[in-house]
Amino acid sequence: MTEAEPAATERRISIGDLAERVETILRRHGLNAVQAGALARTMVAGERDHCKSHGIYRIEGALRTVAAGKVRPDAVPDLAEDGGAIVRVDARGGFANPAFELGAPALARAARRYGLAALVINDCTHFAALWPEVEVLAGEGLAALALCPSYATVAPAGGTRPLLGTNPLAFGWPRREGHPYVFDFATSVAARGEVELRRRAGKDLPDGWAIDRNGEPTRDPEAALAGAMLPFGGHKGSAIATMIELLAGVMIGDLTSPEVLDKLGTTTLAPMHGELILAFSPEHFAKGRPGDPLARAEMLFEAIVGQGARLPSQRRFAARAVSERDGIALSEAEFTLLDRLASQAI
């Protein structure tokens, strides 16, 4: 079977058709055009790039959160610009995705003007990967960092109970040719969605991913979801996760991961908190110094690849190329899921 050929139990659907189906489902479940469109674009981007843990699997969680009254399906985010380097978007209790789409152009303008700018998103519900956001900014010629807390599902290094979130961190660097340099990872050993997908598939977890309710190591996804995940790199990942709680929670006046869990009372709903995105102009920072920062970066990337190493997101970009050429491959079970969600619409 070639890379472009789906398995016998799969069918392909174009990116545009899948986006239309997902947006239609979300609209029929009460989301307005602003919310539904942004969520659909993000979910389909996950499927397009073979990031199943952030694809259409997330529809049910988003709808469950709406049904529980924990996110406003009719929210219209509000942008506040005062001409400074900090851009603010009040998500108005809606999802983070439309808030970012509203704020990104203003963030890019401020970064070009000052060299460094920040986008603060408050009062949002977040469920998605962060790489779509840093990719947007890299496409504008800017380096970018995006970070946010989650809800308390990760034990600090040496701890025995959930306290920190999976607390993702994403970085993007612009490149004149081809895709940007991008990484996006949870500060836990794995994203919580990966644990849930293994639970659904009846697969054990690798060693070192999680502990159970008693603080003992476990490979059972059920026990892990009832216990706590572990930070990557021990104390290093724990410290980075704590930094994210401080910068993207405390500093921006929004919820930390323990506060999110206290407010929601469950991990079955998408977490509500804030998000911080930083954008940098390489040209501003390198002004007056010898060399072109983007050209110098290419020398570093070439040296990495020259040793046989792989740049982050290369597999994702390769998957994207296949999806753009041949469509997105979905299993029959996934098509059935889409049909069921459409038929259950309120």
Protein backbone atom coordinates (compact mmCIF):
# COMPACT_ATOMS: atom_id res chain seq x y z
CA MET A 1 0.00 0.00 0.00
CA THR A 2 1.46 3.38 -0.95
CA GLU A 3 1.42 6.46 1.28
CA ALA A 4 -1.49 7.95 -0.66
CA GLU A 5 -3.65 4.82 -0.59
CA PRO A 6 -6.10 4.48 2.30
CA ALA A 7 -6.58 1.17 4.07
CA ALA A 8 -9.49 -0.99 2.91
CA THR A 9 -11.68 0.27 5.77
CA GLU A 10 -10.99 3.92 4.97
CA ARG A 11 -12.43 6.42 2.53
CA ARG A 12 -11.10 9.80 1.50
CA ILE A 13 -12.87 13.11 1.73
CA SER A 14 -11.60 16.47 0.52
CA ILE A 15 -10.39 18.99 3.09
CA GLY A 16 -13.11 21.42 2.06
CA ASP A 17 -15.90 18.81 2.24
CA LEU A 18 -14.81 17.66 5.69
CA ALA A 19 -14.65 21.25 6.93
CA GLU A 20 -18.17 21.83 5.63
CA ARG A 21 -19.46 18.68 7.35
CA VAL A 22 -17.85 19.55 10.67
CA GLU A 23 -19.03 23.17 10.57
CA THR A 24 -22.55 22.03 9.71
CA ILE A 25 -22.58 19.68 12.71
CA LEU A 26 -21.40 22.44 15.02
CA ARG A 27 -23.96 24.93 13.67
CA ARG A 28 -26.76 22.42 14.09
CA HIS A 29 -25.73 21.97 17.71
CA GLY A 30 -26.15 25.68 18.37
CA LEU A 31 -22.75 27.26 17.67
CA ASN A 32 -22.83 30.51 15.77
CA ALA A 33 -20.90 31.04 12.55
CA VAL A 34 -17.93 32.65 14.32
CA GLN A 35 -17.46 29.76 16.73
CA ALA A 36 -18.33 26.91 14.37
CA GLY A 37 -16.14 28.11 11.52
CA ALA A 38 -13.02 28.54 13.63
CA LEU A 39 -13.48 25.19 15.41
CA ALA A 40 -14.08 23.35 12.15
CA ARG A 41 -10.94 24.82 10.60
CA THR A 42 -8.86 23.74 13.58
CA MET A 43 -10.27 20.22 13.82
CA VAL A 44 -9.91 19.60 10.11
CA ALA A 45 -6.33 20.88 10.23
CA GLY A 46 -5.65 18.14 12.77
CA GLU A 47 -7.12 15.47 10.49
CA ARG A 48 -5.34 16.90 7.46
CA ASP A 49 -1.98 16.61 9.23
CA HIS A 50 -2.73 13.15 10.69
CA CYS A 51 -2.96 14.55 14.24
CA LYS A 52 -5.90 12.35 15.21
CA SER A 53 -5.83 13.39 18.86
CA HIS A 54 -6.82 16.92 17.78
CA GLY A 55 -9.08 16.08 14.85
CA ILE A 56 -12.75 15.21 14.61
CA TYR A 57 -12.34 13.12 17.75
CA ARG A 58 -12.63 16.50 19.51
CA ILE A 59 -16.13 17.26 18.20
CA GLU A 60 -17.88 15.26 20.91
CA GLY A 61 -15.92 16.94 23.69
CA ALA A 62 -16.70 20.39 22.30
CA LEU A 63 -20.41 19.59 22.03
CA ARG A 64 -20.43 18.02 25.50
CA THR A 65 -18.93 21.23 26.89
CA VAL A 66 -21.58 23.31 25.11
CA ALA A 67 -24.38 21.05 26.39
CA ALA A 68 -23.06 21.40 29.95
CA GLY A 69 -23.32 25.18 29.68
CA LYS A 70 -19.56 25.64 30.24
CA VAL A 71 -18.89 27.49 26.99
CA ARG A 72 -20.99 30.04 25.13
CA PRO A 73 -21.85 28.76 21.64
CA ASP A 74 -23.04 32.22 20.59
CA ALA A 75 -20.01 34.17 21.83
CA VAL A 76 -18.48 36.88 19.66
CA PRO A 77 -14.94 37.71 20.84
CA ASP A 78 -13.96 41.31 21.47
CA LEU A 79 -10.63 42.83 20.42
CA ALA A 80 -8.98 45.62 22.41
CA GLU A 81 -6.06 47.54 20.86
CA ASP A 82 -4.54 50.55 22.58
CA GLY A 83 -1.62 51.04 20.21
CA GLY A 84 0.79 49.25 22.53
CA ALA A 85 2.60 45.94 22.33
CA ILE A 86 -0.05 43.99 24.26
CA VAL A 87 -3.15 43.05 22.28
CA ARG A 88 -6.10 41.69 24.22
CA VAL A 89 -9.04 39.58 23.12
CA ASP A 90 -11.92 38.79 25.44
CA ALA A 91 -13.28 35.48 24.19
CA ARG A 92 -16.57 36.23 25.97
CA GLY A 93 -16.80 32.69 27.28
CA GLY A 94 -16.46 31.15 23.83
CA PHE A 95 -13.76 28.96 22.34
CA ALA A 96 -10.16 30.16 21.97
CA ASN A 97 -9.96 29.55 18.21
CA PRO A 98 -12.17 32.43 17.01
CA ALA A 99 -10.53 34.69 19.60
CA PHE A 100 -7.11 33.92 18.14
CA GLU A 101 -8.32 34.41 14.57
CA LEU A 102 -9.61 37.85 15.59
CA GLY A 103 -6.45 38.86 17.43
CA ALA A 104 -3.74 37.44 15.17
CA PRO A 105 -3.68 40.29 12.60
CA ALA A 106 -3.42 42.90 15.37
CA LEU A 107 -0.67 40.88 17.06
CA ALA A 108 1.29 40.72 13.79
CA ARG A 109 0.95 44.48 13.27
CA ALA A 110 2.17 45.20 16.79
CA ALA A 111 5.12 42.80 16.44
CA ARG A 112 6.23 44.47 13.22
CA ARG A 113 5.98 47.86 14.87
CA TYR A 114 7.69 47.10 18.17
CA GLY A 115 9.69 43.98 17.36
CA LEU A 116 7.95 42.07 20.14
CA ALA A 117 4.24 41.87 20.96
CA ALA A 118 1.88 39.71 22.97
CA LEU A 119 -1.68 38.53 22.44
CA VAL A 120 -3.59 37.85 25.66
CA ILE A 121 -6.77 35.80 25.29
CA ASN A 122 -9.01 35.71 28.36
CA ASP A 123 -12.12 33.75 29.30
CA CYS A 124 -11.86 31.12 26.59
CA THR A 125 -12.39 27.39 26.34
CA HIS A 126 -9.50 25.55 24.74
CA PHE A 127 -9.36 22.06 23.25
CA ALA A 128 -6.95 22.24 20.34
CA ALA A 129 -3.30 22.04 19.41
CA LEU A 130 -1.29 25.28 19.37
CA TRP A 131 0.69 24.67 16.18
CA PRO A 132 -2.02 26.16 13.91
CA GLU A 133 -1.56 29.44 15.74
CA VAL A 134 2.22 29.68 15.56
CA GLU A 135 2.05 28.59 11.92
CA VAL A 136 -0.20 31.55 11.13
CA LEU A 137 2.31 33.95 12.66
CA ALA A 138 5.30 32.25 11.01
CA GLY A 139 3.46 32.75 7.74
CA GLU A 140 3.56 36.46 8.52
CA GLY A 141 7.34 36.34 8.85
CA LEU A 142 7.30 36.29 12.65
CA ALA A 143 8.69 33.91 15.24
CA ALA A 144 6.04 32.94 17.78
CA LEU A 145 5.48 31.21 21.10
CA ALA A 146 2.06 30.04 22.26
CA LEU A 147 1.28 28.59 25.68
CA CYS A 148 -1.68 27.85 27.88
CA PRO A 149 -2.61 25.85 30.99
CA SER A 150 -5.23 23.10 31.01
CA TYR A 151 -6.81 21.38 33.99
CA ALA A 152 -5.01 19.55 36.76
CA THR A 153 -4.19 16.12 35.35
CA VAL A 154 -0.40 15.99 35.76
CA ALA A 155 1.52 15.34 38.96
CA PRO A 156 4.55 17.56 39.56
CA ALA A 157 7.89 15.77 39.56
CA GLY A 158 8.08 13.78 42.79
CA GLY A 159 4.37 14.31 43.48
CA THR A 160 1.56 11.77 43.64
CA ARG A 161 -1.58 13.72 42.69
CA PRO A 162 -2.77 15.85 39.75
CA LEU A 163 -1.85 19.51 40.10
CA LEU A 164 -0.43 20.85 36.82
CA GLY A 165 -2.03 20.77 33.39
CA THR A 166 -0.65 19.13 30.27
CA ASN A 167 0.28 22.75 29.52
CA PRO A 168 1.25 22.78 25.83
CA LEU A 169 4.01 24.95 24.41
CA ALA A 170 4.37 25.71 20.70
CA PHE A 171 7.04 27.59 18.75
CA GLY A 172 7.18 28.68 15.14
CA TRP A 173 10.03 30.17 13.08
CA PRO A 174 9.44 31.65 9.61
CA ARG A 175 11.21 30.31 6.54
CA ARG A 176 11.24 31.93 3.12
CA GLU A 177 10.93 28.61 1.33
CA GLY A 178 8.74 25.73 2.40
CA HIS A 179 7.04 25.15 5.71
CA PRO A 180 8.08 26.96 8.89
CA TYR A 181 10.04 25.35 11.69
CA VAL A 182 7.35 24.36 14.20
CA PHE A 183 7.11 22.31 17.33
CA ASP A 184 4.16 21.83 19.64
CA PHE A 185 4.19 19.54 22.63
CA ALA A 186 2.55 19.00 25.96
CA THR A 187 4.76 19.37 28.99
CA SER A 188 3.37 16.04 30.15
CA VAL A 189 4.98 12.89 28.73
CA ALA A 190 2.09 12.72 26.24
CA ALA A 191 -1.04 14.69 25.47
CA ARG A 192 -4.09 13.56 27.42
CA GLY A 193 -5.85 12.91 24.15
CA GLU A 194 -3.22 10.26 23.34
CA VAL A 195 -4.10 8.43 26.57
CA GLU A 196 -7.80 8.58 25.72
CA LEU A 197 -7.18 7.25 22.20
CA ARG A 198 -5.19 4.33 23.64
CA ARG A 199 -8.01 3.64 26.08
CA ARG A 200 -10.53 3.52 23.24
CA ALA A 201 -8.24 1.23 21.24
CA GLY A 202 -7.64 -1.10 24.20
CA LYS A 203 -3.89 -0.45 24.16
CA ASP A 204 -1.55 -0.21 27.14
CA LEU A 205 0.48 2.93 27.80
CA PRO A 206 4.26 2.93 27.60
CA ASP A 207 6.15 2.84 30.89
CA GLY A 208 6.65 6.21 32.52
CA TRP A 209 3.53 7.92 31.23
CA ALA A 210 1.30 7.86 34.28
CA ILE A 211 0.54 6.91 37.86
CA ASP A 212 -2.69 5.57 39.37
CA ARG A 213 -4.79 7.00 42.22
CA ASN A 214 -2.29 5.65 44.73
CA GLY A 215 0.68 7.27 43.04
CA GLU A 216 1.95 3.96 41.64
CA PRO A 217 3.19 3.60 38.05
CA THR A 218 0.56 2.23 35.65
CA ARG A 219 0.24 1.27 32.00
CA ASP A 220 -3.56 1.01 32.18
CA PRO A 221 -5.17 4.02 30.43
CA GLU A 222 -8.24 3.81 32.70
CA ALA A 223 -6.07 3.93 35.81
CA ALA A 224 -4.00 6.72 34.30
CA LEU A 225 -7.05 8.85 33.55
CA ALA A 226 -8.24 8.31 37.12
CA GLY A 227 -4.78 9.03 38.51
CA ALA A 228 -2.26 11.45 37.03
CA MET A 229 -0.02 11.82 34.04
CA LEU A 230 3.67 12.58 34.48
CA PRO A 231 5.71 15.54 33.22
CA PHE A 232 8.24 14.90 30.48
CA GLY A 233 11.86 15.00 31.59
CA GLY A 234 11.03 14.79 35.28
CA HIS A 235 11.79 18.02 37.13
CA LYS A 236 12.56 19.87 33.86
CA GLY A 237 9.11 19.32 32.38
CA SER A 238 7.55 20.03 35.76
CA ALA A 239 9.32 23.40 35.95
CA ILE A 240 8.29 24.35 32.40
CA ALA A 241 4.68 23.40 33.15
CA THR A 242 4.79 25.58 36.27
CA MET A 243 6.20 28.47 34.22
CA ILE A 244 3.23 28.15 31.87
CA GLU A 245 0.81 28.24 34.82
CA LEU A 246 2.47 31.50 35.88
CA LEU A 247 2.75 33.20 32.47
CA ALA A 248 -0.48 32.04 30.81
CA GLY A 249 -2.57 31.84 33.98
CA VAL A 250 -1.49 34.01 36.87
CA MET A 251 0.21 36.77 34.84
CA ILE A 252 -2.72 37.33 32.47
CA GLY A 253 -5.29 37.23 35.25
CA ASP A 254 -6.85 33.95 34.22
CA LEU A 255 -7.29 30.49 35.70
CA THR A 256 -4.52 28.06 36.58
CA SER A 257 -4.99 24.34 35.95
CA PRO A 258 -6.08 23.52 39.55
CA GLU A 259 -8.58 26.39 39.40
CA VAL A 260 -9.92 25.13 36.09
CA LEU A 261 -10.57 21.67 37.51
CA ASP A 262 -12.21 23.16 40.61
CA LYS A 263 -14.52 25.22 38.40
CA LEU A 264 -15.40 22.45 35.94
CA GLY A 265 -15.43 19.58 38.41
CA THR A 266 -14.53 17.13 35.65
CA THR A 267 -11.96 16.40 32.96
CA THR A 268 -14.62 15.25 30.49
CA LEU A 269 -15.25 18.84 29.34
CA ALA A 270 -12.91 21.16 27.46
CA PRO A 271 -10.96 23.34 29.91
CA MET A 272 -11.67 27.06 30.35
CA HIS A 273 -8.74 29.39 30.97
CA GLY A 274 -6.63 31.93 29.05
CA GLU A 275 -3.87 31.81 26.48
CA LEU A 276 -0.70 33.80 25.83
CA ILE A 277 0.89 34.17 22.39
CA LEU A 278 4.15 36.05 21.85
CA ALA A 279 5.29 37.24 18.42
CA PHE A 280 8.82 38.36 17.52
CA SER A 281 10.19 40.14 14.46
CA PRO A 282 13.59 38.56 13.68
CA GLU A 283 14.52 41.60 11.60
CA HIS A 284 13.89 43.96 14.53
CA PHE A 285 15.91 41.89 16.96
CA ALA A 286 18.84 41.49 14.54
CA LYS A 287 18.81 45.14 13.43
CA GLY A 288 22.29 46.56 13.14
CA ARG A 289 23.95 43.16 13.46
CA PRO A 290 25.67 41.32 10.60
CA GLY A 291 23.81 38.66 8.66
CA ASP A 292 20.22 37.89 7.75
CA PRO A 293 18.52 36.06 10.66
CA LEU A 294 16.36 33.93 8.37
CA ALA A 295 19.33 32.92 6.22
CA ARG A 296 21.41 32.11 9.30
CA ALA A 297 18.56 29.96 10.62
CA GLU A 298 18.58 27.98 7.39
CA MET A 299 22.24 27.15 7.98
CA LEU A 300 21.27 25.67 11.35
CA PHE A 301 18.40 23.66 9.89
CA GLU A 302 20.63 22.34 7.11
CA ALA A 303 23.20 21.26 9.67
CA ILE A 304 20.54 19.38 11.65
CA VAL A 305 19.19 17.58 8.60
CA GLY A 306 22.72 16.99 7.38
CA GLN A 307 23.33 14.73 10.38
CA GLY A 308 20.34 12.60 9.41
CA ALA A 309 18.08 14.18 12.02
CA ARG A 310 14.49 15.20 11.36
CA LEU A 311 13.09 18.67 11.92
CA PRO A 312 9.95 18.85 14.05
CA SER A 313 6.66 18.64 12.14
CA GLN A 314 8.25 17.16 8.99
CA ARG A 315 5.99 14.12 9.22
CA ARG A 316 2.99 16.37 9.77
CA PHE A 317 3.83 18.46 6.72
CA ALA A 318 4.32 15.31 4.65
CA ALA A 319 0.90 14.08 5.76
CA ARG A 320 -0.57 17.45 4.85
CA ALA A 321 0.79 17.16 1.33
CA VAL A 322 -0.93 13.81 0.88
CA SER A 323 -4.21 15.15 2.27
CA GLU A 324 -4.08 18.20 0.02
CA ARG A 325 -3.42 16.00 -2.99
CA ASP A 326 -5.66 13.02 -2.28
CA GLY A 327 -8.03 14.11 0.48
CA ILE A 328 -8.23 13.10 4.13
CA ALA A 329 -8.52 9.40 4.94
CA LEU A 330 -11.22 8.59 7.51
CA SER A 331 -12.26 5.20 8.78
CA GLU A 332 -15.80 3.95 8.36
CA ALA A 333 -16.22 4.39 12.11
CA GLU A 334 -15.28 8.06 11.76
CA PHE A 335 -17.77 8.58 8.94
CA THR A 336 -20.37 6.90 11.13
CA LEU A 337 -19.46 9.29 13.95
CA LEU A 338 -20.02 12.29 11.69
CA ASP A 339 -23.38 10.91 10.55
CA ARG A 340 -24.45 10.24 14.12
CA LEU A 341 -23.49 13.69 15.36
CA ALA A 342 -25.33 15.31 12.47
CA SER A 343 -28.48 13.30 13.20
CA GLN A 344 -28.36 14.12 16.93
CA ALA A 345 -28.33 17.87 16.33
CA ILE A 346 -30.63 19.91 18.51
